[in-house]
PDB file of N, CA and C in Angstrom:
ATOM      1  N   UNK A   1      -3.374  -8.820  21.759  1.00  0.00           N
ATOM      2  CA  UNK A   1      -2.300  -9.466  20.979  1.00  0.00           C
ATOM      3  C   UNK A   1      -1.166  -8.686  21.451  1.00  0.00           C
ATOM      4  N   UNK A   2       0.173  -9.039  21.467  1.00  0.00           N
ATOM      5  CA  UNK A   2       1.462  -8.222  21.679  1.00  0.00           C
ATOM      6  C   UNK A   2       1.559  -7.317  20.628  1.00  0.00           C
ATOM      7  N   UNK A   3       2.243  -6.554  20.434  1.00  0.00           N
ATOM      8  CA  UNK A   3       2.544  -5.506  19.669  1.00  0.00           C
ATOM      9  C   UNK A   3       3.997  -5.180  19.364  1.00  0.00           C
ATOM     10  N   UNK A   4       4.419  -4.781  18.311  1.00  0.00           N
ATOM     11  CA  UNK A   4       5.752  -3.979  18.022  1.00  0.00           C
ATOM     12  C   UNK A   4       6.022  -2.626  18.059  1.00  0.00           C
ATOM     13  N   UNK A   5       7.136  -2.195  18.409  1.00  0.00           N
ATOM     14  CA  UNK A   5       7.097  -0.816  18.699  1.00  0.00           C
ATOM     15  C   UNK A   5       7.843  -0.267  17.616  1.00  0.00           C
ATOM     16  N   UNK A   6       7.602   0.127  16.690  1.00  0.00           N
ATOM     17  CA  UNK A   6       8.174   0.340  15.311  1.00  0.00           C
ATOM     18  C   UNK A   6       8.744   2.174  15.243  1.00  0.00           C
ATOM     19  N   UNK A   7       9.912   1.955  14.453  1.00  0.00           N
ATOM     20  CA  UNK A   7      10.539   3.477  14.359  1.00  0.00           C
ATOM     21  C   UNK A   7      11.393   3.445  13.017  1.00  0.00           C
ATOM     22  N   UNK A   8      10.838   4.118  11.886  1.00  0.00           N
ATOM     23  CA  UNK A   8      11.420   4.277  10.802  1.00  0.00           C
ATOM     24  C   UNK A   8      12.294   5.632  10.602  1.00  0.00           C
ATOM     25  N   UNK A   9      13.158   5.439  10.583  1.00  0.00           N
ATOM     26  CA  UNK A   9      13.861   7.087  10.444  1.00  0.00           C
ATOM     27  C   UNK A   9      14.798   7.002   9.092  1.00  0.00           C
ATOM     28  N   UNK A  10      15.486   8.021   9.184  1.00  0.00           N
ATOM     29  CA  UNK A  10      16.608   8.577   8.227  1.00  0.00           C
ATOM     30  C   UNK A  10      17.403   9.596   8.861  1.00  0.00           C
ATOM     31  N   UNK A  11      18.628   9.964   8.393  1.00  0.00           N
ATOM     32  CA  UNK A  11      19.431  10.892   9.018  1.00  0.00           C
ATOM     33  C   UNK A  11      18.864  12.370   9.100  1.00  0.00           C
ATOM     34  N   UNK A  12      17.853  12.400   8.193  1.00  0.00           N
ATOM     35  CA  UNK A  12      17.158  14.052   8.587  1.00  0.00           C
ATOM     36  C   UNK A  12      16.079  13.815   9.370  1.00  0.00           C
ATOM     37  N   UNK A  13      15.200  12.669   9.306  1.00  0.00           N
ATOM     38  CA  UNK A  13      13.605  13.009  10.034  1.00  0.00           C
ATOM     39  C   UNK A  13      13.232  11.681  10.560  1.00  0.00           C
ATOM     40  N   UNK A  14      12.633  11.665  11.517  1.00  0.00           N
ATOM     41  CA  UNK A  14      11.853  10.396  11.842  1.00  0.00           C
ATOM     42  C   UNK A  14      10.354  10.295  10.657  1.00  0.00           C
ATOM     43  N   UNK A  15      10.407   9.223  10.131  1.00  0.00           N
ATOM     44  CA  UNK A  15       9.597   8.843   8.926  1.00  0.00           C
ATOM     45  C   UNK A  15       7.985   8.515   9.743  1.00  0.00           C
ATOM     46  N   UNK A  16       8.286   7.459  10.298  1.00  0.00           N
ATOM     47  CA  UNK A  16       6.963   6.465  11.116  1.00  0.00           C
ATOM     48  C   UNK A  16       7.429   6.055  12.456  1.00  0.00           C
ATOM     49  N   UNK A  17       6.552   6.296  13.317  1.00  0.00           N
ATOM     50  CA  UNK A  17       6.576   5.997  14.653  1.00  0.00           C
ATOM     51  C   UNK A  17       5.261   5.353  14.985  1.00  0.00           C
ATOM     52  N   UNK A  18       5.618   4.330  15.961  1.00  0.00           N
ATOM     53  CA  UNK A  18       3.919   3.724  16.245  1.00  0.00           C
ATOM     54  C   UNK A  18       4.057   2.040  16.880  1.00  0.00           C
ATOM     55  N   UNK A  19       3.200   1.654  16.944  1.00  0.00           N
ATOM     56  CA  UNK A  19       2.904   0.247  17.419  1.00  0.00           C
ATOM     57  C   UNK A  19       2.334  -0.361  16.178  1.00  0.00           C
ATOM     58  N   UNK A  20       2.534  -1.804  16.065  1.00  0.00           N
ATOM     59  CA  UNK A  20       2.219  -2.351  14.892  1.00  0.00           C
ATOM     60  C   UNK A  20       1.953  -3.624  15.139  1.00  0.00           C
ATOM     61  N   UNK A  21       1.445  -4.709  14.440  1.00  0.00           N
ATOM     62  CA  UNK A  21       1.060  -5.967  14.492  1.00  0.00           C
ATOM     63  C   UNK A  21       2.533  -6.734  13.821  1.00  0.00           C
ATOM     64  N   UNK A  22       2.803  -6.341  12.751  1.00  0.00           N
ATOM     65  CA  UNK A  22       3.765  -7.001  12.120  1.00  0.00           C
ATOM     66  C   UNK A  22       4.583  -5.814  11.068  1.00  0.00           C
ATOM     67  N   UNK A  23       5.843  -6.170  10.801  1.00  0.00           N
ATOM     68  CA  UNK A  23       6.570  -5.783   9.526  1.00  0.00           C
ATOM     69  C   UNK A  23       7.302  -6.644   9.045  1.00  0.00           C
ATOM     70  N   UNK A  24       6.996  -6.517   7.617  1.00  0.00           N
ATOM     71  CA  UNK A  24       7.815  -6.896   6.562  1.00  0.00           C
ATOM     72  C   UNK A  24       8.487  -6.138   5.822  1.00  0.00           C
ATOM     73  N   UNK A  25      10.052  -6.640   5.392  1.00  0.00           N
ATOM     74  CA  UNK A  25      10.921  -5.749   5.228  1.00  0.00           C
ATOM     75  C   UNK A  25      11.819  -6.584   3.978  1.00  0.00           C
ATOM     76  N   UNK A  26      12.474  -6.188   3.217  1.00  0.00           N
ATOM     77  CA  UNK A  26      13.202  -7.168   2.190  1.00  0.00           C
ATOM     78  C   UNK A  26      14.695  -6.425   2.406  1.00  0.00           C
ATOM     79  N   UNK A  27      15.069  -7.861   2.932  1.00  0.00           N
ATOM     80  CA  UNK A  27      16.523  -7.826   3.012  1.00  0.00           C
ATOM     81  C   UNK A  27      17.529  -7.888   1.696  1.00  0.00           C
ATOM     82  N   UNK A  28      18.946  -7.612   1.556  1.00  0.00           N
ATOM     83  CA  UNK A  28      19.553  -8.160   0.589  1.00  0.00           C
ATOM     84  C   UNK A  28      19.379  -9.616   0.424  1.00  0.00           C
ATOM     85  N   UNK A  29      19.220 -10.254   1.262  1.00  0.00           N
ATOM     86  CA  UNK A  29      19.269 -11.875   1.310  1.00  0.00           C
ATOM     87  C   UNK A  29      17.603 -12.272   1.163  1.00  0.00           C
ATOM     88  N   UNK A  30      16.667 -11.354   1.265  1.00  0.00           N
ATOM     89  CA  UNK A  30      15.298 -11.686   0.999  1.00  0.00           C
ATOM     90  C   UNK A  30      14.570 -11.019   1.888  1.00  0.00           C
ATOM     91  N   UNK A  31      13.084 -11.534   1.981  1.00  0.00           N
ATOM     92  CA  UNK A  31      12.187 -10.813   2.782  1.00  0.00           C
ATOM     93  C   UNK A  31      11.957 -11.710   4.122  1.00  0.00           C
ATOM     94  N   UNK A  32      11.665 -10.538   4.947  1.00  0.00           N
ATOM     95  CA  UNK A  32      11.968 -11.135   6.483  1.00  0.00           C
ATOM     96  C   UNK A  32      10.327 -10.702   7.135  1.00  0.00           C
ATOM     97  N   UNK A  33       9.713 -11.101   7.998  1.00  0.00           N
ATOM     98  CA  UNK A  33       8.601 -10.637   8.716  1.00  0.00           C
ATOM     99  C   UNK A  33       8.724 -10.788  10.132  1.00  0.00           C
ATOM    100  N   UNK A  34       8.436  -9.496  10.727  1.00  0.00           N
ATOM    101  CA  UNK A  34       8.883  -9.395  12.285  1.00  0.00           C
ATOM    102  C   UNK A  34       7.442  -9.613  12.958  1.00  0.00           C
ATOM    103  N   UNK A  35       7.350 -10.256  14.046  1.00  0.00           N
ATOM    104  CA  UNK A  35       5.941 -10.502  14.805  1.00  0.00           C
ATOM    105  C   UNK A  35       6.941 -10.140  16.444  1.00  0.00           C
ATOM    106  N   UNK A  36       5.959  -9.693  17.366  1.00  0.00           N
ATOM    107  CA  UNK A  36       6.206  -9.543  18.638  1.00  0.00           C
ATOM    108  C   UNK A  36       6.878 -10.808  19.143  1.00  0.00           C
ATOM    109  N   UNK A  37       8.161 -10.895  19.602  1.00  0.00           N
ATOM    110  CA  UNK A  37       8.693 -11.740  20.659  1.00  0.00           C
ATOM    111  C   UNK A  37       9.781 -12.309  19.581  1.00  0.00           C
ATOM    112  N   UNK A  38      10.203 -11.563  18.317  1.00  0.00           N
ATOM    113  CA  UNK A  38      11.005 -12.121  17.605  1.00  0.00           C
ATOM    114  C   UNK A  38      12.393 -12.346  17.916  1.00  0.00           C
ATOM    115  N   UNK A  39      13.271 -12.999  17.385  1.00  0.00           N
ATOM    116  CA  UNK A  39      14.413 -12.956  18.118  1.00  0.00           C
ATOM    117  C   UNK A  39      14.986 -11.956  17.600  1.00  0.00           C
ATOM    118  N   UNK A  40      16.454 -11.444  18.511  1.00  0.00           N
ATOM    119  CA  UNK A  40      17.228 -10.553  17.860  1.00  0.00           C
ATOM    120  C   UNK A  40      17.802 -10.431  16.395  1.00  0.00           C
ATOM    121  N   UNK A  41      17.827  -9.648  15.684  1.00  0.00           N
ATOM    122  CA  UNK A  41      17.995  -9.385  14.414  1.00  0.00           C
ATOM    123  C   UNK A  41      18.611  -7.997  13.857  1.00  0.00           C
ATOM    124  N   UNK A  42      19.771  -8.093  13.199  1.00  0.00           N
ATOM    125  CA  UNK A  42      20.368  -7.137  12.347  1.00  0.00           C
ATOM    126  C   UNK A  42      20.322  -7.368  10.890  1.00  0.00           C
ATOM    127  N   UNK A  43      19.818  -6.843   9.861  1.00  0.00           N
ATOM    128  CA  UNK A  43      19.749  -7.109   8.719  1.00  0.00           C
ATOM    129  C   UNK A  43      19.902  -5.801   7.681  1.00  0.00           C
ATOM    130  N   UNK A  44      20.749  -5.871   6.669  1.00  0.00           N
ATOM    131  CA  UNK A  44      20.873  -5.212   5.469  1.00  0.00           C
ATOM    132  C   UNK A  44      19.651  -4.932   4.828  1.00  0.00           C
ATOM    133  N   UNK A  45      19.082  -3.733   4.462  1.00  0.00           N
ATOM    134  CA  UNK A  45      17.691  -3.699   3.793  1.00  0.00           C
ATOM    135  C   UNK A  45      18.317  -3.578   2.320  1.00  0.00           C
ATOM    136  N   UNK A  46      17.890  -3.874   1.588  1.00  0.00           N
ATOM    137  CA  UNK A  46      17.255  -3.772  -0.111  1.00  0.00           C
ATOM    138  C   UNK A  46      16.315  -2.662  -0.262  1.00  0.00           C
ATOM    139  N   UNK A  47      16.649  -1.970  -1.738  1.00  0.00           N
ATOM    140  CA  UNK A  47      15.779  -0.488  -1.952  1.00  0.00           C
ATOM    141  C   UNK A  47      14.317  -1.452  -2.092  1.00  0.00           C
ATOM    142  N   UNK A  48      13.528  -1.419  -1.588  1.00  0.00           N
ATOM    143  CA  UNK A  48      12.447  -2.068  -1.613  1.00  0.00           C
ATOM    144  C   UNK A  48      11.318  -1.477  -0.594  1.00  0.00           C
ATOM    145  N   UNK A  49       9.931  -1.442  -0.923  1.00  0.00           N
ATOM    146  CA  UNK A  49       9.020  -1.239   0.138  1.00  0.00           C
ATOM    147  C   UNK A  49       8.901  -2.073   1.401  1.00  0.00           C
ATOM    148  N   UNK A  50       9.116  -1.011   2.572  1.00  0.00           N
ATOM    149  CA  UNK A  50       8.963  -1.505   3.736  1.00  0.00           C
ATOM    150  C   UNK A  50       7.482  -1.583   4.407  1.00  0.00           C
ATOM    151  N   UNK A  51       6.653  -2.924   4.688  1.00  0.00           N
ATOM    152  CA  UNK A  51       5.402  -3.280   5.079  1.00  0.00           C
ATOM    153  C   UNK A  51       5.021  -2.785   6.505  1.00  0.00           C
ATOM    154  N   UNK A  52       4.271  -2.313   6.941  1.00  0.00           N
ATOM    155  CA  UNK A  52       3.854  -2.209   8.316  1.00  0.00           C
ATOM    156  C   UNK A  52       2.516  -2.386   8.659  1.00  0.00           C
ATOM    157  N   UNK A  53       1.827  -3.515   9.195  1.00  0.00           N
ATOM    158  CA  UNK A  53       0.469  -3.735   9.804  1.00  0.00           C
ATOM    159  C   UNK A  53       0.319  -3.148  10.813  1.00  0.00           C
ATOM    160  N   UNK A  54      -0.365  -2.082  10.968  1.00  0.00           N
ATOM    161  CA  UNK A  54      -1.096  -1.242  12.036  1.00  0.00           C
ATOM    162  C   UNK A  54      -1.328  -2.245  13.031  1.00  0.00           C
ATOM    163  N   UNK A  55      -1.889  -1.880  13.969  1.00  0.00           N
ATOM    164  CA  UNK A  55      -2.924  -2.614  15.083  1.00  0.00           C
ATOM    165  C   UNK A  55      -4.291  -2.856  14.789  1.00  0.00           C
ATOM    166  N   UNK A  56      -4.674  -2.000  13.734  1.00  0.00           N
ATOM    167  CA  UNK A  56      -6.334  -2.394  13.318  1.00  0.00           C
ATOM    168  C   UNK A  56      -6.095  -3.108  12.093  1.00  0.00           C
ATOM    169  N   UNK A  57      -4.972  -3.655  11.558  1.00  0.00           N
ATOM    170  CA  UNK A  57      -5.023  -4.585  10.621  1.00  0.00           C
ATOM    171  C   UNK A  57      -4.458  -3.810   9.080  1.00  0.00           C
ATOM    172  N   UNK A  58      -5.072  -2.563   9.269  1.00  0.00           N
ATOM    173  CA  UNK A  58      -4.483  -1.678   7.958  1.00  0.00           C
ATOM    174  C   UNK A  58      -3.103  -1.996   7.714  1.00  0.00           C
ATOM    175  N   UNK A  59      -2.606  -1.758   6.423  1.00  0.00           N
ATOM    176  CA  UNK A  59      -1.215  -2.077   6.023  1.00  0.00           C
ATOM    177  C   UNK A  59      -0.681  -0.502   5.535  1.00  0.00           C
ATOM    178  N   UNK A  60       0.301  -0.260   5.605  1.00  0.00           N
ATOM    179  CA  UNK A  60       0.996   0.803   5.628  1.00  0.00           C
ATOM    180  C   UNK A  60       2.402   0.616   4.608  1.00  0.00           C
ATOM    181  N   UNK A  61       2.925   1.454   3.975  1.00  0.00           N
ATOM    182  CA  UNK A  61       4.307   1.355   3.383  1.00  0.00           C
ATOM    183  C   UNK A  61       4.967   2.575   2.992  1.00  0.00           C
ATOM    184  N   UNK A  62       6.063   2.260   2.948  1.00  0.00           N
ATOM    185  CA  UNK A  62       7.113   3.308   2.557  1.00  0.00           C
ATOM    186  C   UNK A  62       8.204   2.779   1.779  1.00  0.00           C
ATOM    187  N   UNK A  63       8.601   3.505   0.689  1.00  0.00           N
ATOM    188  CA  UNK A  63       9.657   2.997  -0.182  1.00  0.00           C
ATOM    189  C   UNK A  63      11.215   3.262   0.978  1.00  0.00           C
ATOM    190  N   UNK A  64      12.038   2.137   0.865  1.00  0.00           N
ATOM    191  CA  UNK A  64      13.257   2.231   1.730  1.00  0.00           C
ATOM    192  C   UNK A  64      14.228   2.030   0.941  1.00  0.00           C
ATOM    193  N   UNK A  65      15.266   2.903   0.905  1.00  0.00           N
ATOM    194  CA  UNK A  65      16.419   3.065   0.037  1.00  0.00           C
ATOM    195  C   UNK A  65      17.570   2.674   0.897  1.00  0.00           C
ATOM    196  N   UNK A  66      18.243   1.560   0.993  1.00  0.00           N
ATOM    197  CA  UNK A  66      19.270   0.959   1.722  1.00  0.00           C
ATOM    198  C   UNK A  66      19.033   1.179   3.321  1.00  0.00           C
ATOM    199  N   UNK A  67      20.131   0.957   4.075  1.00  0.00           N
ATOM    200  CA  UNK A  67      19.929   1.026   5.229  1.00  0.00           C
ATOM    201  C   UNK A  67      19.955  -0.418   6.184  1.00  0.00           C
ATOM    202  N   UNK A  68      19.512  -0.260   7.229  1.00  0.00           N
ATOM    203  CA  UNK A  68      19.624  -1.528   8.202  1.00  0.00           C
ATOM    204  C   UNK A  68      18.189  -1.711   8.870  1.00  0.00           C
ATOM    205  N   UNK A  69      17.719  -2.652   9.348  1.00  0.00           N
ATOM    206  CA  UNK A  69      16.602  -2.920  10.128  1.00  0.00           C
ATOM    207  C   UNK A  69      17.156  -3.790  11.598  1.00  0.00           C
ATOM    208  N   UNK A  70      16.934  -3.150  12.614  1.00  0.00           N
ATOM    209  CA  UNK A  70      17.340  -3.795  14.222  1.00  0.00           C
ATOM    210  C   UNK A  70      16.283  -4.221  14.735  1.00  0.00           C
ATOM    211  N   UNK A  71      16.208  -5.610  15.250  1.00  0.00           N
ATOM    212  CA  UNK A  71      14.976  -5.783  16.295  1.00  0.00           C
ATOM    213  C   UNK A  71      15.769  -6.265  17.518  1.00  0.00           C
ATOM    214  N   UNK A  72      14.887  -6.065  18.445  1.00  0.00           N
ATOM    215  CA  UNK A  72      15.132  -6.377  20.117  1.00  0.00           C
ATOM    216  C   UNK A  72      14.176  -6.790  20.571  1.00  0.00           C
ATOM    217  N   UNK A  73      14.220  -7.820  21.489  1.00  0.00           N
ATOM    218  CA  UNK A  73      13.035  -8.402  22.248  1.00  0.00           C
ATOM    219  C   UNK A  73      13.432  -8.543  23.730  1.00  0.00           C
ATOM    220  N   UNK A  74      12.648  -8.311  24.675  1.00  0.00           N
ATOM    221  CA  UNK A  74      12.712  -8.633  25.888  1.00  0.00           C
ATOM    222  C   UNK A  74      11.661  -8.178  26.796  1.00  0.00           C
ATOM    223  N   UNK A  75      11.982  -8.002  27.930  1.00  0.00           N
ATOM    224  CA  UNK A  75      10.777  -8.296  28.584  1.00  0.00           C
ATOM    225  C   UNK A  75       9.756  -7.035  28.781  1.00  0.00           C
ATOM    226  N   UNK A  76      10.520  -6.160  28.002  1.00  0.00           N
ATOM    227  CA  UNK A  76       9.451  -4.765  27.991  1.00  0.00           C
ATOM    228  C   UNK A  76       9.017  -4.656  26.493  1.00  0.00           C
ATOM    229  N   UNK A  77       9.203  -6.023  25.558  1.00  0.00           N
ATOM    230  CA  UNK A  77       8.349  -6.097  24.335  1.00  0.00           C
ATOM    231  C   UNK A  77       9.303  -6.053  23.184  1.00  0.00           C
ATOM    232  N   UNK A  78       9.088  -6.121  21.967  1.00  0.00           N
ATOM    233  CA  UNK A  78       9.690  -6.060  20.974  1.00  0.00           C
ATOM    234  C   UNK A  78      10.039  -4.595  20.054  1.00  0.00           C
ATOM    235  N   UNK A  79      11.104  -4.301  19.565  1.00  0.00           N
ATOM    236  CA  UNK A  79      11.138  -2.864  19.281  1.00  0.00           C
ATOM    237  C   UNK A  79      11.876  -3.235  17.713  1.00  0.00           C
ATOM    238  N   UNK A  80      11.619  -2.485  16.619  1.00  0.00           N
ATOM    239  CA  UNK A  80      11.875  -2.587  15.248  1.00  0.00           C
ATOM    240  C   UNK A  80      12.324  -1.231  15.089  1.00  0.00           C
ATOM    241  N   UNK A  81      13.562  -1.126  14.913  1.00  0.00           N
ATOM    242  CA  UNK A  81      14.252  -0.024  14.219  1.00  0.00           C
ATOM    243  C   UNK A  81      14.777  -0.282  13.006  1.00  0.00           C
ATOM    244  N   UNK A  82      14.066   0.897  11.828  1.00  0.00           N
ATOM    245  CA  UNK A  82      14.468   0.911  10.654  1.00  0.00           C
ATOM    246  C   UNK A  82      15.179   1.879  10.242  1.00  0.00           C
ATOM    247  N   UNK A  83      16.818   1.762  10.254  1.00  0.00           N
ATOM    248  CA  UNK A  83      17.571   3.019   9.836  1.00  0.00           C
ATOM    249  C   UNK A  83      17.597   3.275   8.207  1.00  0.00           C
ATOM    250  N   UNK A  84      17.195   4.005   7.453  1.00  0.00           N
ATOM    251  CA  UNK A  84      17.241   3.856   6.247  1.00  0.00           C
ATOM    252  C   UNK A  84      18.125   5.061   5.684  1.00  0.00           C
ATOM    253  N   UNK A  85      18.782   4.982   4.573  1.00  0.00           N
ATOM    254  CA  UNK A  85      19.538   5.981   4.209  1.00  0.00           C
ATOM    255  C   UNK A  85      18.338   7.238   3.457  1.00  0.00           C
ATOM    256  N   UNK A  86      17.244   6.574   2.947  1.00  0.00           N
ATOM    257  CA  UNK A  86      16.392   7.386   2.357  1.00  0.00           C
ATOM    258  C   UNK A  86      15.082   6.609   2.536  1.00  0.00           C
ATOM    259  N   UNK A  87      13.937   7.354   2.815  1.00  0.00           N
ATOM    260  CA  UNK A  87      12.687   6.725   3.105  1.00  0.00           C
ATOM    261  C   UNK A  87      11.677   7.815   2.990  1.00  0.00           C
ATOM    262  N   UNK A  88      10.363   7.269   2.033  1.00  0.00           N
ATOM    263  CA  UNK A  88       9.525   8.292   1.775  1.00  0.00           C
ATOM    264  C   UNK A  88       8.245   8.114   2.611  1.00  0.00           C
ATOM    265  N   UNK A  89       7.315   9.096   2.585  1.00  0.00           N
ATOM    266  CA  UNK A  89       6.445   9.045   3.727  1.00  0.00           C
ATOM    267  C   UNK A  89       5.688   7.965   3.661  1.00  0.00           C
ATOM    268  N   UNK A  90       5.474   7.194   4.853  1.00  0.00           N
ATOM    269  CA  UNK A  90       4.383   6.108   4.792  1.00  0.00           C
ATOM    270  C   UNK A  90       2.967   6.335   3.957  1.00  0.00           C
ATOM    271  N   UNK A  91       2.343   5.570   3.876  1.00  0.00           N
ATOM    272  CA  UNK A  91       1.090   6.168   3.135  1.00  0.00           C
ATOM    273  C   UNK A  91       0.165   4.805   3.288  1.00  0.00           C
ATOM    274  N   UNK A  92      -1.148   4.835   3.456  1.00  0.00           N
ATOM    275  CA  UNK A  92      -1.776   3.561   3.429  1.00  0.00           C
ATOM    276  C   UNK A  92      -1.526   2.939   2.185  1.00  0.00           C
ATOM    277  N   UNK A  93      -1.785   1.593   2.254  1.00  0.00           N
ATOM    278  CA  UNK A  93      -1.682   0.517   1.104  1.00  0.00           C
ATOM    279  C   UNK A  93      -2.691  -0.327   1.355  1.00  0.00           C
ATOM    280  N   UNK A  94      -3.123  -0.783   0.458  1.00  0.00           N
ATOM    281  CA  UNK A  94      -4.402  -2.170   0.490  1.00  0.00           C
ATOM    282  C   UNK A  94      -3.754  -3.278   1.198  1.00  0.00           C
ATOM    283  N   UNK A  95      -4.721  -3.740   1.918  1.00  0.00           N
ATOM    284  CA  UNK A  95      -4.385  -4.805   2.717  1.00  0.00           C
ATOM    285  C   UNK A  95      -3.400  -6.024   1.808  1.00  0.00           C
ATOM    286  N   UNK A  96      -2.458  -6.688   2.272  1.00  0.00           N
ATOM    287  CA  UNK A  96      -1.958  -7.744   1.333  1.00  0.00           C
ATOM    288  C   UNK A  96      -0.970  -7.606   0.679  1.00  0.00           C
ATOM    289  N   UNK A  97      -0.438  -6.323   0.263  1.00  0.00           N
ATOM    290  CA  UNK A  97       0.233  -5.679  -0.634  1.00  0.00           C
ATOM    291  C   UNK A  97       1.491  -5.300   0.001  1.00  0.00           C
TER     292      UNK A  97
END
């Protein structure tokens, strides 16, 4: 199964980096789910949890306070960059949350 190359960063540090099956974010205009091969996208994020489904199916989440999510896809795969003003540590969450 194709995966995403995900990077969650703040101005101070990298919060999380790795491969994932899916990313679900809450933009200012609603939720968006990102899978491998997604069209290029740039959205402004709302203050809400960011959910990351790891390759093994487990869900992780972090609280994101504003910022942007940038998605690019090409021959080398799909990359998701979350550039947040602030973000908490990524913690394991129950599947489906």
